[in-house]
Amino acid sequence: MYIIKVKGKAKIPDYIQLRDENFVLIAYFRADRPLKNMDKYGLEGKEEAFEKLIAELPFGKLQALNLV
């Protein structure tokens, strides 16, 4: 799975995209609102690490999602 942070403009907020190994969009949500159904994407129990990653993630850089 891959993650990318997209910079918003003016009134449009920043967004996070989660993509699968074929780069198909599987989730799209605001960066300031955590993902609600994390178990749907196999990320249950990793909420704190996920929020920390989002805060540190640079805009526009696609990277593999590796939460430990």
PDB file of N, CA and C in Angstrom:
ATOM      1  N   MET A   1       0.846  -1.164   0.000  1.00  0.00           N
ATOM      2  CA  MET A   1       0.000   0.000   0.000  1.00  0.00           C
ATOM      3  C   MET A   1       0.900   1.237   0.000  1.00  0.00           C
ATOM      4  N   TYR A   2       0.433   2.280  -0.650  1.00  0.00           N
ATOM      5  CA  TYR A   2       1.180   3.530  -0.761  1.00  0.00           C
ATOM      6  C   TYR A   2       0.352   4.678  -0.197  1.00  0.00           C
ATOM      7  N   ILE A   3       1.044   5.743   0.214  1.00  0.00           N
ATOM      8  CA  ILE A   3       0.386   6.912   0.782  1.00  0.00           C
ATOM      9  C   ILE A   3       0.992   8.167   0.153  1.00  0.00           C
ATOM     10  N   ILE A   4       0.142   9.162  -0.062  1.00  0.00           N
ATOM     11  CA  ILE A   4       0.592  10.453  -0.576  1.00  0.00           C
ATOM     12  C   ILE A   4      -0.250  11.544   0.080  1.00  0.00           C
ATOM     13  N   LYS A   5       0.393  12.659   0.383  1.00  0.00           N
ATOM     14  CA  LYS A   5      -0.285  13.810   0.988  1.00  0.00           C
ATOM     15  C   LYS A   5      -0.401  14.886  -0.082  1.00  0.00           C
ATOM     16  N   VAL A   6      -1.632  15.353  -0.317  1.00  0.00           N
ATOM     17  CA  VAL A   6      -1.926  16.326  -1.361  1.00  0.00           C
ATOM     18  C   VAL A   6      -2.229  17.675  -0.712  1.00  0.00           C
ATOM     19  N   LYS A   7      -1.517  18.715  -1.148  1.00  0.00           N
ATOM     20  CA  LYS A   7      -1.683  20.059  -0.598  1.00  0.00           C
ATOM     21  C   LYS A   7      -2.946  20.695  -1.137  1.00  0.00           C
ATOM     22  N   GLY A   8      -3.779  21.210  -0.235  1.00  0.00           N
ATOM     23  CA  GLY A   8      -4.987  21.917  -0.628  1.00  0.00           C
ATOM     24  C   GLY A   8      -4.665  23.367  -0.972  1.00  0.00           C
ATOM     25  N   LYS A   9      -5.590  24.036  -1.627  1.00  0.00           N
ATOM     26  CA  LYS A   9      -5.419  25.440  -1.995  1.00  0.00           C
ATOM     27  C   LYS A   9      -6.616  26.224  -1.506  1.00  0.00           C
ATOM     28  N   ALA A  10      -6.364  27.427  -1.012  1.00  0.00           N
ATOM     29  CA  ALA A  10      -7.404  28.338  -0.523  1.00  0.00           C
ATOM     30  C   ALA A  10      -8.301  27.635   0.495  1.00  0.00           C
ATOM     31  N   LYS A  11      -9.560  27.415   0.163  1.00  0.00           N
ATOM     32  CA  LYS A  11     -10.494  26.790   1.103  1.00  0.00           C
ATOM     33  C   LYS A  11     -10.488  25.267   1.034  1.00  0.00           C
ATOM     34  N   ILE A  12      -9.766  24.696   0.094  1.00  0.00           N
ATOM     35  CA  ILE A  12      -9.697  23.244  -0.045  1.00  0.00           C
ATOM     36  C   ILE A  12      -8.626  22.720   0.921  1.00  0.00           C
ATOM     37  N   PRO A  13      -8.984  21.796   1.819  1.00  0.00           N
ATOM     38  CA  PRO A  13      -8.014  21.307   2.807  1.00  0.00           C
ATOM     39  C   PRO A  13      -7.013  20.312   2.212  1.00  0.00           C
ATOM     40  N   ASP A  14      -5.987  19.995   2.999  1.00  0.00           N
ATOM     41  CA  ASP A  14      -5.019  18.975   2.605  1.00  0.00           C
ATOM     42  C   ASP A  14      -5.697  17.608   2.675  1.00  0.00           C
ATOM     43  N   TYR A  15      -5.314  16.710   1.766  1.00  0.00           N
ATOM     44  CA  TYR A  15      -5.891  15.376   1.714  1.00  0.00           C
ATOM     45  C   TYR A  15      -4.813  14.310   1.721  1.00  0.00           C
ATOM     46  N   ILE A  16      -5.212  13.121   2.143  1.00  0.00           N
ATOM     47  CA  ILE A  16      -4.361  11.941   2.134  1.00  0.00           C
ATOM     48  C   ILE A  16      -4.987  10.933   1.182  1.00  0.00           C
ATOM     49  N   GLN A  17      -4.155  10.320   0.353  1.00  0.00           N
ATOM     50  CA  GLN A  17      -4.615   9.248  -0.532  1.00  0.00           C
ATOM     51  C   GLN A  17      -3.895   7.962  -0.145  1.00  0.00           C
ATOM     52  N   LEU A  18      -4.645   6.878  -0.062  1.00  0.00           N
ATOM     53  CA  LEU A  18      -4.069   5.542   0.099  1.00  0.00           C
ATOM     54  C   LEU A  18      -4.283   4.811  -1.216  1.00  0.00           C
ATOM     55  N   ARG A  19      -3.230   4.211  -1.725  1.00  0.00           N
ATOM     56  CA  ARG A  19      -3.296   3.486  -2.994  1.00  0.00           C
ATOM     57  C   ARG A  19      -2.750   2.077  -2.815  1.00  0.00           C
ATOM     58  N   ASP A  20      -3.296   1.130  -3.576  1.00  0.00           N
ATOM     59  CA  ASP A  20      -2.824  -0.245  -3.480  1.00  0.00           C
ATOM     60  C   ASP A  20      -1.559  -0.444  -4.309  1.00  0.00           C
ATOM     61  N   GLU A  21      -1.080  -1.681  -4.412  1.00  0.00           N
ATOM     62  CA  GLU A  21       0.173  -1.955  -5.106  1.00  0.00           C
ATOM     63  C   GLU A  21       0.112  -1.662  -6.605  1.00  0.00           C
ATOM     64  N   ASN A  22      -1.100  -1.511  -7.166  1.00  0.00           N
ATOM     65  CA  ASN A  22      -1.269  -1.128  -8.570  1.00  0.00           C
ATOM     66  C   ASN A  22      -1.556   0.366  -8.700  1.00  0.00           C
ATOM     67  N   PHE A  23      -1.393   1.109  -7.615  1.00  0.00           N
ATOM     68  CA  PHE A  23      -1.614   2.557  -7.531  1.00  0.00           C
ATOM     69  C   PHE A  23      -3.072   2.956  -7.750  1.00  0.00           C
ATOM     70  N   VAL A  24      -3.995   2.028  -7.506  1.00  0.00           N
ATOM     71  CA  VAL A  24      -5.419   2.316  -7.585  1.00  0.00           C
ATOM     72  C   VAL A  24      -5.833   2.962  -6.264  1.00  0.00           C
ATOM     73  N   LEU A  25      -6.577   4.059  -6.344  1.00  0.00           N
ATOM     74  CA  LEU A  25      -7.037   4.772  -5.156  1.00  0.00           C
ATOM     75  C   LEU A  25      -7.986   3.902  -4.344  1.00  0.00           C
ATOM     76  N   ILE A  26      -7.654   3.689  -3.060  1.00  0.00           N
ATOM     77  CA  ILE A  26      -8.528   2.888  -2.196  1.00  0.00           C
ATOM     78  C   ILE A  26      -9.119   3.709  -1.053  1.00  0.00           C
ATOM     79  N   ALA A  27      -8.511   4.854  -0.717  1.00  0.00           N
ATOM     80  CA  ALA A  27      -9.059   5.734   0.317  1.00  0.00           C
ATOM     81  C   ALA A  27      -8.588   7.160   0.058  1.00  0.00           C
ATOM     82  N   TYR A  28      -9.454   8.120   0.381  1.00  0.00           N
ATOM     83  CA  TYR A  28      -9.178   9.529   0.162  1.00  0.00           C
ATOM     84  C   TYR A  28      -9.855  10.271   1.305  1.00  0.00           C
ATOM     85  N   PHE A  29      -9.091  10.951   2.150  1.00  0.00           N
ATOM     86  CA  PHE A  29      -9.673  11.607   3.305  1.00  0.00           C
ATOM     87  C   PHE A  29      -8.866  12.836   3.688  1.00  0.00           C
ATOM     88  N   ARG A  30      -9.475  13.718   4.462  1.00  0.00           N
ATOM     89  CA  ARG A  30      -8.808  14.943   4.896  1.00  0.00           C
ATOM     90  C   ARG A  30      -7.678  14.609   5.860  1.00  0.00           C
ATOM     91  N   ALA A  31      -6.594  15.341   5.757  1.00  0.00           N
ATOM     92  CA  ALA A  31      -5.427  15.095   6.606  1.00  0.00           C
ATOM     93  C   ALA A  31      -5.710  15.455   8.058  1.00  0.00           C
ATOM     94  N   ASP A  32      -6.615  16.391   8.294  1.00  0.00           N
ATOM     95  CA  ASP A  32      -6.914  16.787   9.668  1.00  0.00           C
ATOM     96  C   ASP A  32      -7.989  15.937  10.330  1.00  0.00           C
ATOM     97  N   ARG A  33      -8.555  14.997   9.596  1.00  0.00           N
ATOM     98  CA  ARG A  33      -9.555  14.074  10.144  1.00  0.00           C
ATOM     99  C   ARG A  33      -9.062  12.645   9.935  1.00  0.00           C
ATOM    100  N   PRO A  34      -8.811  11.938  11.004  1.00  0.00           N
ATOM    101  CA  PRO A  34      -8.286  10.572  10.854  1.00  0.00           C
ATOM    102  C   PRO A  34      -9.274   9.649  10.144  1.00  0.00           C
ATOM    103  N   LEU A  35      -8.728   8.643   9.525  1.00  0.00           N
ATOM    104  CA  LEU A  35      -9.521   7.640   8.822  1.00  0.00           C
ATOM    105  C   LEU A  35     -10.358   6.865   9.829  1.00  0.00           C
ATOM    106  N   LYS A  36     -11.649   6.760   9.607  1.00  0.00           N
ATOM    107  CA  LYS A  36     -12.546   6.116  10.565  1.00  0.00           C
ATOM    108  C   LYS A  36     -12.500   4.595  10.501  1.00  0.00           C
ATOM    109  N   ASN A  37     -12.538   4.016   9.342  1.00  0.00           N
ATOM    110  CA  ASN A  37     -12.600   2.561   9.193  1.00  0.00           C
ATOM    111  C   ASN A  37     -11.227   1.983   8.885  1.00  0.00           C
ATOM    112  N   MET A  38     -10.294   2.153   9.808  1.00  0.00           N
ATOM    113  CA  MET A  38      -8.923   1.698   9.560  1.00  0.00           C
ATOM    114  C   MET A  38      -8.839   0.180   9.432  1.00  0.00           C
ATOM    115  N   ASP A  39      -9.758  -0.549  10.078  1.00  0.00           N
ATOM    116  CA  ASP A  39      -9.747  -2.009   9.976  1.00  0.00           C
ATOM    117  C   ASP A  39     -10.063  -2.469   8.555  1.00  0.00           C
ATOM    118  N   LYS A  40     -10.788  -1.662   7.812  1.00  0.00           N
ATOM    119  CA  LYS A  40     -11.133  -1.982   6.420  1.00  0.00           C
ATOM    120  C   LYS A  40      -9.882  -2.064   5.539  1.00  0.00           C
ATOM    121  N   TYR A  41      -8.816  -1.343   5.954  1.00  0.00           N
ATOM    122  CA  TYR A  41      -7.571  -1.303   5.179  1.00  0.00           C
ATOM    123  C   TYR A  41      -6.427  -2.034   5.874  1.00  0.00           C
ATOM    124  N   GLY A  42      -6.734  -2.795   6.924  1.00  0.00           N
ATOM    125  CA  GLY A  42      -5.719  -3.559   7.636  1.00  0.00           C
ATOM    126  C   GLY A  42      -4.834  -2.705   8.527  1.00  0.00           C
ATOM    127  N   LEU A  43      -5.334  -1.583   8.990  1.00  0.00           N
ATOM    128  CA  LEU A  43      -4.542  -0.653   9.800  1.00  0.00           C
ATOM    129  C   LEU A  43      -5.058  -0.530  11.231  1.00  0.00           C
ATOM    130  N   GLU A  44      -5.911  -1.463  11.667  1.00  0.00           N
ATOM    131  CA  GLU A  44      -6.449  -1.376  13.020  1.00  0.00           C
ATOM    132  C   GLU A  44      -5.332  -1.506  14.056  1.00  0.00           C
ATOM    133  N   GLY A  45      -5.446  -0.714  15.114  1.00  0.00           N
ATOM    134  CA  GLY A  45      -4.455  -0.721  16.179  1.00  0.00           C
ATOM    135  C   GLY A  45      -3.218   0.103  15.882  1.00  0.00           C
ATOM    136  N   LYS A  46      -3.181   0.776  14.742  1.00  0.00           N
ATOM    137  CA  LYS A  46      -2.006   1.557  14.352  1.00  0.00           C
ATOM    138  C   LYS A  46      -2.355   3.031  14.185  1.00  0.00           C
ATOM    139  N   GLU A  47      -3.388   3.473  14.888  1.00  0.00           N
ATOM    140  CA  GLU A  47      -3.882   4.833  14.734  1.00  0.00           C
ATOM    141  C   GLU A  47      -2.831   5.888  15.090  1.00  0.00           C
ATOM    142  N   GLU A  48      -2.141   5.695  16.218  1.00  0.00           N
ATOM    143  CA  GLU A  48      -1.144   6.685  16.647  1.00  0.00           C
ATOM    144  C   GLU A  48       0.001   6.793  15.643  1.00  0.00           C
ATOM    145  N   ALA A  49       0.511   5.656  15.196  1.00  0.00           N
ATOM    146  CA  ALA A  49       1.603   5.654  14.217  1.00  0.00           C
ATOM    147  C   ALA A  49       1.142   6.277  12.902  1.00  0.00           C
ATOM    148  N   PHE A  50      -0.109   6.029  12.516  1.00  0.00           N
ATOM    149  CA  PHE A  50      -0.653   6.563  11.278  1.00  0.00           C
ATOM    150  C   PHE A  50      -0.775   8.087  11.353  1.00  0.00           C
ATOM    151  N   GLU A  51      -1.279   8.600  12.475  1.00  0.00           N
ATOM    152  CA  GLU A  51      -1.404  10.043  12.642  1.00  0.00           C
ATOM    153  C   GLU A  51      -0.040  10.717  12.658  1.00  0.00           C
ATOM    154  N   LYS A  52       0.950  10.089  13.287  1.00  0.00           N
ATOM    155  CA  LYS A  52       2.306  10.641  13.319  1.00  0.00           C
ATOM    156  C   LYS A  52       2.890  10.677  11.907  1.00  0.00           C
ATOM    157  N   LEU A  53       2.675   9.601  11.137  1.00  0.00           N
ATOM    158  CA  LEU A  53       3.160   9.547   9.764  1.00  0.00           C
ATOM    159  C   LEU A  53       2.544  10.660   8.926  1.00  0.00           C
ATOM    160  N   ILE A  54       1.250  10.879   9.066  1.00  0.00           N
ATOM    161  CA  ILE A  54       0.561  11.929   8.307  1.00  0.00           C
ATOM    162  C   ILE A  54       1.150  13.303   8.629  1.00  0.00           C
ATOM    163  N   ALA A  55       1.431  13.556   9.903  1.00  0.00           N
ATOM    164  CA  ALA A  55       1.982  14.845  10.307  1.00  0.00           C
ATOM    165  C   ALA A  55       3.375  15.080   9.716  1.00  0.00           C
ATOM    166  N   GLU A  56       4.166  14.023   9.576  1.00  0.00           N
ATOM    167  CA  GLU A  56       5.540  14.147   9.087  1.00  0.00           C
ATOM    168  C   GLU A  56       5.671  13.979   7.578  1.00  0.00           C
ATOM    169  N   LEU A  57       4.624  13.524   6.923  1.00  0.00           N
ATOM    170  CA  LEU A  57       4.664  13.217   5.496  1.00  0.00           C
ATOM    171  C   LEU A  57       4.806  14.492   4.664  1.00  0.00           C
ATOM    172  N   PRO A  58       5.778  14.535   3.751  1.00  0.00           N
ATOM    173  CA  PRO A  58       5.908  15.711   2.878  1.00  0.00           C
ATOM    174  C   PRO A  58       4.806  15.703   1.809  1.00  0.00           C
ATOM    175  N   PHE A  59       4.447  16.881   1.339  1.00  0.00           N
ATOM    176  CA  PHE A  59       3.418  16.976   0.308  1.00  0.00           C
ATOM    177  C   PHE A  59       3.929  16.469  -1.030  1.00  0.00           C
ATOM    178  N   GLY A  60       3.077  15.743  -1.744  1.00  0.00           N
ATOM    179  CA  GLY A  60       3.366  15.334  -3.103  1.00  0.00           C
ATOM    180  C   GLY A  60       4.367  14.219  -3.286  1.00  0.00           C
ATOM    181  N   LYS A  61       4.797  13.567  -2.204  1.00  0.00           N
ATOM    182  CA  LYS A  61       5.773  12.492  -2.329  1.00  0.00           C
ATOM    183  C   LYS A  61       5.095  11.157  -2.034  1.00  0.00           C
ATOM    184  N   LEU A  62       4.972  10.336  -3.061  1.00  0.00           N
ATOM    185  CA  LEU A  62       4.393   9.016  -2.919  1.00  0.00           C
ATOM    186  C   LEU A  62       5.400   8.101  -2.242  1.00  0.00           C
ATOM    187  N   GLN A  63       4.956   7.395  -1.184  1.00  0.00           N
ATOM    188  CA  GLN A  63       5.867   6.471  -0.532  1.00  0.00           C
ATOM    189  C   GLN A  63       5.106   5.256  -0.026  1.00  0.00           C
ATOM    190  N   ALA A  64       5.834   4.181   0.156  1.00  0.00           N
ATOM    191  CA  ALA A  64       5.234   2.954   0.655  1.00  0.00           C
ATOM    192  C   ALA A  64       4.766   3.172   2.082  1.00  0.00           C
ATOM    193  N   LEU A  65       3.620   2.604   2.422  1.00  0.00           N
ATOM    194  CA  LEU A  65       3.068   2.731   3.764  1.00  0.00           C
ATOM    195  C   LEU A  65       3.569   1.556   4.598  1.00  0.00           C
ATOM    196  N   ASN A  66       4.476   1.849   5.504  1.00  0.00           N
ATOM    197  CA  ASN A  66       5.042   0.837   6.396  1.00  0.00           C
ATOM    198  C   ASN A  66       4.881   1.302   7.826  1.00  0.00           C
ATOM    199  N   LEU A  67       3.864   0.783   8.507  1.00  0.00           N
ATOM    200  CA  LEU A  67       3.644   1.137   9.902  1.00  0.00           C
ATOM    201  C   LEU A  67       4.094  -0.014  10.778  1.00  0.00           C
ATOM    202  N   VAL A  68       4.923   0.307  11.755  1.00  0.00           N
ATOM    203  CA  VAL A  68       5.437  -0.719  12.669  1.00  0.00           C
ATOM    204  C   VAL A  68       4.767  -0.566  14.004  1.00  0.00           C
TER     205      VAL A  68
END
